[in-house]
Protein backbone atom coordinates (compact mmCIF):
# COMPACT_ATOMS: atom_id res chain seq x y z
CA UNK A 1 -29.29 4.47 0.53
CA UNK A 2 -26.57 7.08 0.96
CA UNK A 3 -23.09 6.35 -0.42
CA UNK A 4 -20.30 7.81 1.69
CA UNK A 5 -16.68 8.17 0.59
CA UNK A 6 -13.80 8.16 3.06
CA UNK A 7 -10.11 8.95 3.01
CA UNK A 8 -8.29 7.37 5.93
CA UNK A 9 -4.77 6.59 7.03
CA UNK A 10 -3.42 3.85 9.25
CA UNK A 11 -0.26 2.48 10.79
CA UNK A 12 -0.22 -1.13 9.68
CA UNK A 13 2.11 -2.53 12.34
CA UNK A 14 -0.58 -4.26 14.37
CA UNK A 15 -3.01 -5.04 11.55
CA UNK A 16 -3.33 -8.18 9.43
CA UNK A 17 -4.04 -6.04 6.38
CA UNK A 18 -7.25 -4.34 5.27
CA UNK A 19 -9.64 -7.23 4.66
CA UNK A 20 -11.71 -8.77 7.46
CA UNK A 21 -10.33 -12.13 8.60
CA UNK A 22 -11.76 -14.31 11.38
CA UNK A 23 -10.10 -13.74 14.77
CA UNK A 24 -7.56 -11.29 13.32
CA UNK A 25 -7.31 -7.52 13.73
CA UNK A 26 -7.86 -5.76 10.40
CA UNK A 27 -8.52 -2.19 9.28
CA UNK A 28 -11.80 -3.12 7.59
CA UNK A 29 -12.91 -4.92 10.75
CA UNK A 30 -12.21 -1.93 13.01
CA UNK A 31 -13.90 0.50 10.61
CA UNK A 32 -16.91 -1.78 10.19
CA UNK A 33 -17.31 -2.08 13.95
CA UNK A 34 -17.32 1.71 14.43
CA UNK A 35 -19.67 2.39 11.50
CA UNK A 36 -22.07 -0.28 12.75
CA UNK A 37 -22.22 1.45 16.15
CA UNK A 38 -22.89 4.83 14.57
CA UNK A 39 -25.64 3.62 12.22
CA UNK A 40 -26.99 0.92 14.56
CA UNK A 41 -26.81 -1.76 11.88
CA UNK A 42 -24.10 -3.83 10.20
CA UNK A 43 -22.03 -1.72 7.82
CA UNK A 44 -19.20 -3.30 5.80
CA UNK A 45 -17.04 -0.72 4.01
CA UNK A 46 -15.44 -1.37 0.62
CA UNK A 47 -11.72 -0.60 0.31
CA UNK A 48 -9.72 0.60 -2.68
CA UNK A 49 -7.36 -2.39 -2.41
CA UNK A 50 -6.06 -5.10 -0.13
CA UNK A 51 -2.96 -4.45 1.92
CA UNK A 52 -0.59 -7.03 3.37
CA UNK A 53 -0.14 -7.44 7.11
CA UNK A 54 2.17 -4.72 8.41
CA UNK A 55 1.81 -2.35 5.43
CA UNK A 56 0.89 1.28 6.21
CA UNK A 57 -1.31 3.80 4.38
CA UNK A 58 -1.11 7.58 4.39
CA UNK A 59 -4.03 7.83 1.98
CA UNK A 60 -6.54 5.01 1.60
CA UNK A 61 -9.97 5.33 -0.04
CA UNK A 62 -13.08 3.48 1.10
CA UNK A 63 -16.83 3.78 0.71
CA UNK A 64 -19.96 2.35 2.31
CA UNK A 65 -23.73 2.63 1.97
CA UNK A 66 -26.06 3.49 4.84
CA UNK A 67 -29.83 4.00 5.05
CA UNK A 68 -29.68 7.25 7.03
CA UNK A 69 -27.97 10.58 6.37
CA UNK A 70 -25.38 12.03 8.71
CA UNK A 71 -23.54 15.26 7.90
CA UNK A 72 -20.05 14.30 6.66
CA UNK A 73 -18.31 16.57 9.20
CA UNK A 74 -20.25 15.00 12.05
CA UNK A 75 -19.53 11.51 10.74
CA UNK A 76 -15.81 12.29 10.55
CA UNK A 77 -15.80 13.45 14.18
CA UNK A 78 -17.80 10.43 15.32
CA UNK A 79 -15.49 7.98 13.57
CA UNK A 80 -12.32 9.58 14.94
CA UNK A 81 -13.77 9.47 18.45
CA UNK A 82 -14.40 5.71 18.16
CA UNK A 83 -11.54 4.39 16.03
CA UNK A 84 -8.31 3.14 17.66
CA UNK A 85 -5.24 5.37 17.70
CA UNK A 86 -3.63 3.69 14.68
CA UNK A 87 -6.46 4.58 12.26
CA UNK A 88 -7.50 8.12 11.36
CA UNK A 89 -10.24 9.41 9.07
CA UNK A 90 -9.04 12.45 7.10
CA UNK A 91 -12.08 13.18 4.92
CA UNK A 92 -15.73 12.12 4.57
CA UNK A 93 -18.06 13.09 1.74
CA UNK A 94 -21.39 12.09 0.22
CA UNK A 95 -20.40 10.33 -3.01
CA UNK A 96 -22.39 9.65 -6.15
CA UNK A 97 -24.54 6.54 -5.92
CA UNK A 98 -22.34 4.47 -8.25
CA UNK A 99 -18.98 5.66 -6.87
CA UNK A 100 -16.91 2.69 -5.73
CA UNK A 101 -13.53 3.16 -4.06
CA UNK A 102 -12.15 -0.01 -5.62
CA UNK A 103 -13.07 0.70 -9.24
CA UNK A 104 -13.37 4.50 -9.45
CA UNK A 105 -9.80 5.50 -8.63
CA UNK A 106 -7.27 5.91 -11.45
CA UNK A 107 -4.09 4.81 -9.74
CA UNK A 108 -1.99 4.39 -6.61
CA UNK A 109 1.45 5.43 -5.49
CA UNK A 110 3.32 3.16 -3.11
CA UNK A 111 6.49 4.34 -1.36
CA UNK A 112 9.11 2.08 0.17
CA UNK A 113 11.65 3.50 2.63
CA UNK A 114 15.06 2.01 3.38
CA UNK A 115 17.32 3.24 6.19
CA UNK A 116 20.95 2.57 5.29
CA UNK A 117 22.53 2.66 8.72
CA UNK A 118 23.95 0.65 11.61
CA UNK A 119 22.24 3.14 13.95
CA UNK A 120 18.69 2.36 15.01
CA UNK A 121 16.20 5.24 15.24
CA UNK A 122 13.08 4.15 17.16
CA UNK A 123 11.07 6.92 15.47
CA UNK A 124 11.95 5.52 12.03
CA UNK A 125 12.18 1.81 12.77
CA UNK A 126 8.43 0.96 12.42
CA UNK A 127 8.33 2.53 8.94
CA UNK A 128 11.61 1.55 7.28
CA UNK A 129 13.68 -1.47 6.33
CA UNK A 130 16.99 -0.81 8.02
CA UNK A 131 19.95 -2.21 6.11
CA UNK A 132 23.40 -1.78 7.72
CA UNK A 133 25.13 -1.28 4.37
CA UNK A 134 25.60 1.50 1.85
CA UNK A 135 23.71 0.48 -1.28
CA UNK A 136 24.89 1.29 -4.79
CA UNK A 137 21.98 3.64 -5.44
CA UNK A 138 23.06 4.76 -8.92
CA UNK A 139 23.15 1.14 -10.08
CA UNK A 140 19.74 0.49 -8.50
CA UNK A 141 18.32 3.56 -10.23
CA UNK A 142 19.71 2.51 -13.61
CA UNK A 143 18.44 -1.08 -13.45
CA UNK A 144 15.10 -0.08 -11.91
CA UNK A 145 14.07 1.44 -15.23
CA UNK A 146 13.87 -2.06 -16.72
CA UNK A 147 10.75 -2.48 -14.59
CA UNK A 148 8.98 0.62 -15.92
CA UNK A 149 6.34 0.07 -18.58
CA UNK A 150 3.94 -2.76 -19.37
CA UNK A 151 5.18 -6.19 -18.30
CA UNK A 152 4.03 -9.55 -17.01
CA UNK A 153 4.90 -9.21 -13.32
CA UNK A 154 4.10 -12.83 -12.41
CA UNK A 155 7.70 -13.34 -11.29
CA UNK A 156 7.34 -10.54 -8.75
CA UNK A 157 4.00 -11.60 -7.28
CA UNK A 158 2.14 -14.26 -5.39
CA UNK A 159 0.38 -16.43 -7.94
CA UNK A 160 -3.33 -15.55 -7.95
CA UNK A 161 -5.43 -17.17 -10.67
CA UNK A 162 -7.99 -14.36 -10.77
CA UNK A 163 -5.48 -11.56 -11.31
CA UNK A 164 -4.21 -10.41 -14.70
CA UNK A 165 -0.41 -10.24 -14.26
CA UNK A 166 0.06 -7.67 -17.03
CA UNK A 167 0.66 -4.34 -15.29
CA UNK A 168 1.67 -0.94 -16.62
CA UNK A 169 4.17 0.40 -14.08
CA UNK A 170 3.90 4.08 -14.95
CA UNK A 171 6.70 5.38 -12.77
CA UNK A 172 9.53 4.15 -10.54
CA UNK A 173 11.63 6.85 -8.88
CA UNK A 174 14.53 6.48 -6.42
CA UNK A 175 15.40 9.44 -4.18
CA UNK A 176 18.10 9.54 -1.54
CA UNK A 177 17.79 11.85 1.47
CA UNK A 178 20.88 11.33 3.61
CA UNK A 179 20.83 7.71 4.72
CA UNK A 180 17.17 7.25 3.73
CA UNK A 181 16.44 5.75 0.31
CA UNK A 182 12.91 6.31 -0.99
CA UNK A 183 11.51 4.18 -3.82
CA UNK A 184 8.23 5.44 -5.32
CA UNK A 185 6.03 3.26 -7.58
CA UNK A 186 2.96 4.44 -9.49
CA UNK A 187 0.48 2.23 -11.39
CA UNK A 188 -3.25 1.84 -11.82
CA UNK A 189 -3.07 -1.43 -9.90
CA UNK A 190 -0.52 -3.76 -8.34
CA UNK A 191 -0.24 -7.50 -7.71
CA UNK A 192 0.17 -8.99 -4.27
CA UNK A 193 3.79 -8.67 -3.03
CA UNK A 194 4.74 -6.98 -6.32
CA UNK A 195 6.26 -3.82 -4.82
CA UNK A 196 7.97 -5.66 -1.98
CA UNK A 197 9.59 -8.12 -4.38
CA UNK A 198 10.72 -5.40 -6.75
CA UNK A 199 12.31 -3.64 -3.77
CA UNK A 200 13.85 -6.89 -2.57
CA UNK A 201 15.42 -7.48 -5.98
CA UNK A 202 16.67 -3.89 -6.30
CA UNK A 203 18.31 -4.12 -2.88
CA UNK A 204 20.20 -7.18 -4.13
CA UNK A 205 21.28 -5.04 -7.09
CA UNK A 206 22.43 -2.37 -4.64
CA UNK A 207 24.44 -4.98 -2.76
CA UNK A 208 25.95 -6.05 -6.11
CA UNK A 209 24.67 -9.60 -5.68
CA UNK A 210 22.50 -9.62 -8.81
CA UNK A 211 22.29 -7.49 -11.94
CA UNK A 212 20.39 -6.75 -15.13
CA UNK A 213 20.25 -10.40 -16.21
CA UNK A 214 18.39 -11.55 -13.10
CA UNK A 215 15.86 -8.70 -13.32
CA UNK A 216 15.19 -9.63 -16.95
CA UNK A 217 14.66 -13.26 -15.95
CA UNK A 218 12.14 -12.24 -13.28
CA UNK A 219 10.31 -10.18 -15.92
CA UNK A 220 10.25 -13.31 -18.09
CA UNK A 221 8.40 -15.25 -15.39
CA UNK A 222 11.14 -16.69 -13.19
CA UNK A 223 10.16 -16.39 -9.52
CA UNK A 224 11.92 -13.54 -7.69
CA UNK A 225 13.13 -15.01 -4.37
CA UNK A 226 13.55 -11.66 -2.59
CA UNK A 227 10.72 -10.00 -0.62
CA UNK A 228 11.31 -6.79 1.32
CA UNK A 229 9.72 -6.55 4.81
CA UNK A 230 6.18 -5.16 4.93
CA UNK A 231 6.96 -2.41 7.44
CA UNK A 232 8.89 -0.28 4.94
CA UNK A 233 5.92 -0.05 2.55
CA UNK A 234 3.30 2.71 2.60
CA UNK A 235 0.35 3.34 0.30
CA UNK A 236 1.27 6.98 -0.11
CA UNK A 237 -1.38 8.39 -2.43
CA UNK A 238 -4.61 7.54 -4.23
CA UNK A 239 -5.06 9.15 -7.65
CA UNK A 240 -8.60 10.13 -8.61
CA UNK A 241 -7.66 11.39 -12.07
């Protein structure tokens, strides 16, 4: 069997996440369908992580095994000719036999984009959370550093019994470019809804509705009631080292 690695990107607007679900459109389902046509047998790719419905990816790693060899360049062209317009394959390579996209990567960077404006830009709207207020970004930046480091992020996630809630959030950076606020999060792994709930809480900080005390309570296990919309979130980069 040949083990192929892929880097792909997708616009998540019309997908119910990565993982195949009955009767729902998913990225894994579309990719599996195209690979199965190319190899004339059922191929189910493995993804580096799950994504929520509506979340985008600029860089997403996957792999699959197939019984026949196709040159990576030819496979890339074949996939991009078959896949729908909202998925693109950026790279294909023949990976080592034991390489697994879920377990072999060393980390991920998620980026969340907020548009602080009353004006609606249809070229931005699918990829940002538009908030018609000016947020107190300096306060958000200061309090955001409470989240950096190793914590129990249960309060910021959907409760999943099989997931260890102790996460080392390596980096959280806030950048402002005009009326666009960019929040960048790096860790080896993330819990479900974790980034969106951290963003939701920090927006409340920026609106001066909550402060340091509430963030500390969420880090102590209290459920964070704020979840940012999926459309502003992008899996920006996969780290291989």
